[in-house]
Amino acid sequence: IDRQALAVLSPMILKDTGMSAGTFGDALSAFSIAYTVSNLLWGSVLDFVGLRVGMAIAVAGWTLSRMSHAWVVGPISLFIARTTLGIFEGGGFPGCMKMANDCLPPHLRSRGVAIGYSGAASGSLLAPLLVTPIALALGWRTAFWITGALGTAWLVWWFFVARPPRLP
């Protein structure tokens, strides 16, 4: 939902902050660069600290970064919010692969990865349906707070589910 929420809310954000579309695009590029580089780093982090702790760190940072978009007032704050989101969101796919490899028997690993990867696609489909009514009713800043709550809910769920014997 993170990536698409910004696309859905961009007209409101541009209007309120006075940013140009070019500056906005530069911030989007910062996300992509940070995400690409951090994917490489998160693989090592997850191997070092383990899946349970590593994914908790990634999603906590991802959630705080998503919520930080509510404080965007101009190009610098948007650049920081997008870059930190890219850094922490980069843990998602390596975490999905590690979870499938570490926690599922070989005959279920491909299905586990497919389910994990489908989360990105389903978020893209759900974002306009969830974010638009929230933004229209409560403002675009509130939309980031509410979508950030989804990450918080995931973290609570993760700490109950991601422990031995379910998660080696």
C-alpha atoms as a PDB file:
ATOM      1  CA  ILE A   1       0.000   0.000   0.000  1.00  0.00           C
ATOM      2  CA  ASP A   2       2.974   2.320   0.665  1.00  0.00           C
ATOM      3  CA  ARG A   3       4.010   2.869  -2.907  1.00  0.00           C
ATOM      4  CA  GLN A   4       0.550   3.332  -4.321  1.00  0.00           C
ATOM      5  CA  ALA A   5      -0.640   5.550  -1.469  1.00  0.00           C
ATOM      6  CA  LEU A   6       1.831   8.200  -2.553  1.00  0.00           C
ATOM      7  CA  ALA A   7       0.662   7.984  -6.159  1.00  0.00           C
ATOM      8  CA  VAL A   8      -2.978   8.303  -5.110  1.00  0.00           C
ATOM      9  CA  LEU A   9      -2.256  11.205  -2.770  1.00  0.00           C
ATOM     10  CA  SER A  10       0.247  13.036  -4.973  1.00  0.00           C
ATOM     11  CA  PRO A  11      -2.179  15.666  -6.336  1.00  0.00           C
ATOM     12  CA  MET A  12      -3.120  16.687  -2.774  1.00  0.00           C
ATOM     13  CA  ILE A  13       0.497  16.637  -1.584  1.00  0.00           C
ATOM     14  CA  LEU A  14       1.723  18.722  -4.537  1.00  0.00           C
ATOM     15  CA  LYS A  15      -1.037  21.260  -4.001  1.00  0.00           C
ATOM     16  CA  ASP A  16      -0.455  21.591  -0.234  1.00  0.00           C
ATOM     17  CA  THR A  17       3.348  21.700  -0.371  1.00  0.00           C
ATOM     18  CA  GLY A  18       3.789  23.657  -3.590  1.00  0.00           C
ATOM     19  CA  MET A  19       6.307  21.150  -4.911  1.00  0.00           C
ATOM     20  CA  SER A  20       6.756  20.708  -8.632  1.00  0.00           C
ATOM     21  CA  ALA A  21       6.130  17.382 -10.328  1.00  0.00           C
ATOM     22  CA  GLY A  22       9.858  17.218 -11.164  1.00  0.00           C
ATOM     23  CA  THR A  23      10.895  17.596  -7.532  1.00  0.00           C
ATOM     24  CA  PHE A  24       8.295  15.026  -6.559  1.00  0.00           C
ATOM     25  CA  GLY A  25       9.737  12.658  -9.177  1.00  0.00           C
ATOM     26  CA  ASP A  26      13.239  13.122  -7.750  1.00  0.00           C
ATOM     27  CA  ALA A  27      11.970  11.996  -4.348  1.00  0.00           C
ATOM     28  CA  LEU A  28      10.379   8.943  -5.955  1.00  0.00           C
ATOM     29  CA  SER A  29      13.735   8.136  -7.525  1.00  0.00           C
ATOM     30  CA  ALA A  30      15.377   8.387  -4.108  1.00  0.00           C
ATOM     31  CA  PHE A  31      13.016   5.647  -2.902  1.00  0.00           C
ATOM     32  CA  SER A  32      13.930   3.379  -5.814  1.00  0.00           C
ATOM     33  CA  ILE A  33      17.654   3.851  -5.328  1.00  0.00           C
ATOM     34  CA  ALA A  34      17.457   3.269  -1.569  1.00  0.00           C
ATOM     35  CA  TYR A  35      15.235   0.220  -2.063  1.00  0.00           C
ATOM     36  CA  THR A  36      17.566  -1.336  -4.636  1.00  0.00           C
ATOM     37  CA  VAL A  37      20.688  -0.854  -2.532  1.00  0.00           C
ATOM     38  CA  SER A  38      19.028  -1.908   0.711  1.00  0.00           C
ATOM     39  CA  ASN A  39      17.815  -5.205  -0.757  1.00  0.00           C
ATOM     40  CA  LEU A  40      21.447  -6.237  -0.933  1.00  0.00           C
ATOM     41  CA  LEU A  41      22.093  -5.137   2.639  1.00  0.00           C
ATOM     42  CA  TRP A  42      18.951  -6.677   4.140  1.00  0.00           C
ATOM     43  CA  GLY A  43      19.943 -10.147   2.981  1.00  0.00           C
ATOM     44  CA  SER A  44      23.041  -9.898   5.168  1.00  0.00           C
ATOM     45  CA  VAL A  45      21.166  -8.276   8.059  1.00  0.00           C
ATOM     46  CA  LEU A  46      18.549 -11.040   8.079  1.00  0.00           C
ATOM     47  CA  ASP A  47      21.246 -13.715   7.996  1.00  0.00           C
ATOM     48  CA  PHE A  48      23.079 -12.036  10.882  1.00  0.00           C
ATOM     49  CA  VAL A  49      20.241 -11.136  13.288  1.00  0.00           C
ATOM     50  CA  GLY A  50      17.744 -13.763  12.182  1.00  0.00           C
ATOM     51  CA  LEU A  51      14.377 -13.571  10.524  1.00  0.00           C
ATOM     52  CA  ARG A  52      12.272 -12.764  13.587  1.00  0.00           C
ATOM     53  CA  VAL A  53      14.331  -9.778  14.730  1.00  0.00           C
ATOM     54  CA  GLY A  54      15.344  -8.656  11.241  1.00  0.00           C
ATOM     55  CA  MET A  55      11.802  -8.478   9.916  1.00  0.00           C
ATOM     56  CA  ALA A  56      10.648  -6.721  13.083  1.00  0.00           C
ATOM     57  CA  ILE A  57      13.328  -4.067  12.531  1.00  0.00           C
ATOM     58  CA  ALA A  58      12.489  -3.745   8.828  1.00  0.00           C
ATOM     59  CA  VAL A  59       8.739  -3.431   9.351  1.00  0.00           C
ATOM     60  CA  ALA A  60       9.088  -1.093  12.349  1.00  0.00           C
ATOM     61  CA  GLY A  61      11.331   1.206  10.294  1.00  0.00           C
ATOM     62  CA  TRP A  62       9.047   0.819   7.294  1.00  0.00           C
ATOM     63  CA  THR A  63       6.018   1.745   9.404  1.00  0.00           C
ATOM     64  CA  LEU A  64       7.662   4.796  10.958  1.00  0.00           C
ATOM     65  CA  SER A  65       8.905   5.906   7.544  1.00  0.00           C
ATOM     66  CA  ARG A  66       5.432   5.515   6.070  1.00  0.00           C
ATOM     67  CA  MET A  67       3.925   7.552   8.912  1.00  0.00           C
ATOM     68  CA  SER A  68       6.622  10.215   8.493  1.00  0.00           C
ATOM     69  CA  HIS A  69       5.064  11.114   5.145  1.00  0.00           C
ATOM     70  CA  ALA A  70       2.332  12.852   7.153  1.00  0.00           C
ATOM     71  CA  TRP A  71       4.919  15.499   8.134  1.00  0.00           C
ATOM     72  CA  VAL A  72       6.060  16.273   4.597  1.00  0.00           C
ATOM     73  CA  VAL A  73       6.205  20.027   4.039  1.00  0.00           C
ATOM     74  CA  GLY A  74       8.570  20.238   1.083  1.00  0.00           C
ATOM     75  CA  PRO A  75      11.192  18.514  -1.037  1.00  0.00           C
ATOM     76  CA  ILE A  76      13.694  17.757   1.728  1.00  0.00           C
ATOM     77  CA  SER A  77      11.187  16.129   4.067  1.00  0.00           C
ATOM     78  CA  LEU A  78       9.698  14.122   1.188  1.00  0.00           C
ATOM     79  CA  PHE A  79      13.174  13.021   0.103  1.00  0.00           C
ATOM     80  CA  ILE A  80      13.972  11.858   3.653  1.00  0.00           C
ATOM     81  CA  ALA A  81      10.636  10.062   4.041  1.00  0.00           C
ATOM     82  CA  ARG A  82      10.969   8.293   0.681  1.00  0.00           C
ATOM     83  CA  THR A  83      14.612   7.356   1.201  1.00  0.00           C
ATOM     84  CA  THR A  84      14.034   5.868   4.656  1.00  0.00           C
ATOM     85  CA  LEU A  85      10.979   4.026   3.373  1.00  0.00           C
ATOM     86  CA  GLY A  86      13.090   2.548   0.581  1.00  0.00           C
ATOM     87  CA  ILE A  87      15.790   1.505   3.044  1.00  0.00           C
ATOM     88  CA  PHE A  88      13.417  -0.336   5.365  1.00  0.00           C
ATOM     89  CA  GLU A  89      11.025  -1.668   2.736  1.00  0.00           C
ATOM     90  CA  GLY A  90      14.036  -3.301   1.112  1.00  0.00           C
ATOM     91  CA  GLY A  91      13.894  -5.961   3.827  1.00  0.00           C
ATOM     92  CA  GLY A  92      10.545  -7.291   2.615  1.00  0.00           C
ATOM     93  CA  PHE A  93      11.492  -9.509  -0.298  1.00  0.00           C
ATOM     94  CA  PRO A  94      14.699 -10.927   1.199  1.00  0.00           C
ATOM     95  CA  GLY A  95      12.638 -11.641   4.333  1.00  0.00           C
ATOM     96  CA  CYS A  96       9.988 -13.398   2.268  1.00  0.00           C
ATOM     97  CA  MET A  97      12.610 -15.594   0.624  1.00  0.00           C
ATOM     98  CA  LYS A  98      14.300 -16.372   3.947  1.00  0.00           C
ATOM     99  CA  MET A  99      10.999 -17.212   5.585  1.00  0.00           C
ATOM    100  CA  ALA A 100      10.056 -19.595   2.796  1.00  0.00           C
ATOM    101  CA  ASN A 101      13.486 -21.234   2.894  1.00  0.00           C
ATOM    102  CA  ASP A 102      13.781 -21.471   6.684  1.00  0.00           C
ATOM    103  CA  CYS A 103      10.203 -22.238   7.653  1.00  0.00           C
ATOM    104  CA  LEU A 104       8.558 -24.236   4.886  1.00  0.00           C
ATOM    105  CA  PRO A 105       9.232 -27.738   3.635  1.00  0.00           C
ATOM    106  CA  PRO A 106      10.733 -27.832   0.132  1.00  0.00           C
ATOM    107  CA  HIS A 107       7.456 -28.744  -1.574  1.00  0.00           C
ATOM    108  CA  LEU A 108       5.740 -25.575  -0.191  1.00  0.00           C
ATOM    109  CA  ARG A 109       8.513 -23.010  -0.673  1.00  0.00           C
ATOM    110  CA  SER A 110       7.461 -21.777  -4.109  1.00  0.00           C
ATOM    111  CA  ARG A 111       3.904 -21.295  -2.899  1.00  0.00           C
ATOM    112  CA  GLY A 112       5.156 -19.426   0.179  1.00  0.00           C
ATOM    113  CA  VAL A 113       7.240 -17.060  -1.954  1.00  0.00           C
ATOM    114  CA  ALA A 114       4.298 -16.555  -4.331  1.00  0.00           C
ATOM    115  CA  ILE A 115       2.037 -15.589  -1.430  1.00  0.00           C
ATOM    116  CA  GLY A 116       4.650 -13.190  -0.069  1.00  0.00           C
ATOM    117  CA  TYR A 117       5.247 -11.538  -3.424  1.00  0.00           C
ATOM    118  CA  SER A 118       1.527 -11.256  -4.132  1.00  0.00           C
ATOM    119  CA  GLY A 119       1.316  -8.913  -1.138  1.00  0.00           C
ATOM    120  CA  ALA A 120       2.975  -6.170  -3.184  1.00  0.00           C
ATOM    121  CA  ALA A 121       0.518  -6.598  -6.030  1.00  0.00           C
ATOM    122  CA  SER A 122      -2.521  -6.759  -3.776  1.00  0.00           C
ATOM    123  CA  GLY A 123      -1.368  -3.624  -1.970  1.00  0.00           C
ATOM    124  CA  SER A 124      -1.292  -1.840  -5.313  1.00  0.00           C
ATOM    125  CA  LEU A 125      -4.869  -2.893  -5.943  1.00  0.00           C
ATOM    126  CA  LEU A 126      -6.136  -2.022  -2.473  1.00  0.00           C
ATOM    127  CA  ALA A 127      -4.396   1.327  -2.001  1.00  0.00           C
ATOM    128  CA  PRO A 128      -6.714   3.454  -4.140  1.00  0.00           C
ATOM    129  CA  LEU A 129      -9.758   1.814  -2.553  1.00  0.00           C
ATOM    130  CA  LEU A 130      -8.519   2.393   1.003  1.00  0.00           C
ATOM    131  CA  VAL A 131      -6.491   5.582   0.765  1.00  0.00           C
ATOM    132  CA  THR A 132      -8.767   7.741  -1.393  1.00  0.00           C
ATOM    133  CA  PRO A 133     -11.802   7.739   0.938  1.00  0.00           C
ATOM    134  CA  ILE A 134      -9.590   8.334   3.974  1.00  0.00           C
ATOM    135  CA  ALA A 135      -7.819  11.257   2.297  1.00  0.00           C
ATOM    136  CA  LEU A 136     -11.047  12.807   1.064  1.00  0.00           C
ATOM    137  CA  ALA A 137     -12.693  12.518   4.486  1.00  0.00           C
ATOM    138  CA  LEU A 138      -9.749  13.199   6.805  1.00  0.00           C
ATOM    139  CA  GLY A 139      -6.916  14.611   4.674  1.00  0.00           C
ATOM    140  CA  TRP A 140      -3.849  13.110   3.049  1.00  0.00           C
ATOM    141  CA  ARG A 141      -1.734  13.359   6.204  1.00  0.00           C
ATOM    142  CA  THR A 142      -4.212  11.230   8.142  1.00  0.00           C
ATOM    143  CA  ALA A 143      -4.152   8.657   5.341  1.00  0.00           C
ATOM    144  CA  PHE A 144      -0.452   8.065   6.057  1.00  0.00           C
ATOM    145  CA  TRP A 145      -1.140   7.655   9.780  1.00  0.00           C
ATOM    146  CA  ILE A 146      -3.906   5.157   9.174  1.00  0.00           C
ATOM    147  CA  THR A 147      -1.944   3.117   6.639  1.00  0.00           C
ATOM    148  CA  GLY A 148       0.954   3.194   9.093  1.00  0.00           C
ATOM    149  CA  ALA A 149      -1.320   1.513  11.597  1.00  0.00           C
ATOM    150  CA  LEU A 150      -1.369  -1.493   9.265  1.00  0.00           C
ATOM    151  CA  GLY A 151       2.357  -1.946   9.815  1.00  0.00           C
ATOM    152  CA  THR A 152       1.847  -1.678  13.555  1.00  0.00           C
ATOM    153  CA  ALA A 153      -0.832  -4.367  13.403  1.00  0.00           C
ATOM    154  CA  TRP A 154       1.525  -6.566  11.380  1.00  0.00           C
ATOM    155  CA  LEU A 155       4.248  -6.152  14.020  1.00  0.00           C
ATOM    156  CA  VAL A 156       1.894  -7.249  16.811  1.00  0.00           C
ATOM    157  CA  TRP A 157       0.828 -10.261  14.751  1.00  0.00           C
ATOM    158  CA  TRP A 158       4.482 -11.056  13.900  1.00  0.00           C
ATOM    159  CA  PHE A 159       5.544 -11.279  17.537  1.00  0.00           C
ATOM    160  CA  PHE A 160       2.825 -13.819  18.271  1.00  0.00           C
ATOM    161  CA  VAL A 161       3.375 -15.931  15.166  1.00  0.00           C
ATOM    162  CA  ALA A 162       7.105 -15.658  14.519  1.00  0.00           C
ATOM    163  CA  ARG A 163       8.511 -17.731  17.347  1.00  0.00           C
ATOM    164  CA  PRO A 164       9.582 -21.307  17.821  1.00  0.00           C
ATOM    165  CA  PRO A 165       8.412 -23.860  16.914  1.00  0.00           C
ATOM    166  CA  ARG A 166       6.667 -22.010  14.052  1.00  0.00           C
ATOM    167  CA  LEU A 167       9.745 -19.986  13.187  1.00  0.00           C
ATOM    168  CA  PRO A 168      13.071 -21.764  13.631  1.00  0.00           C
END
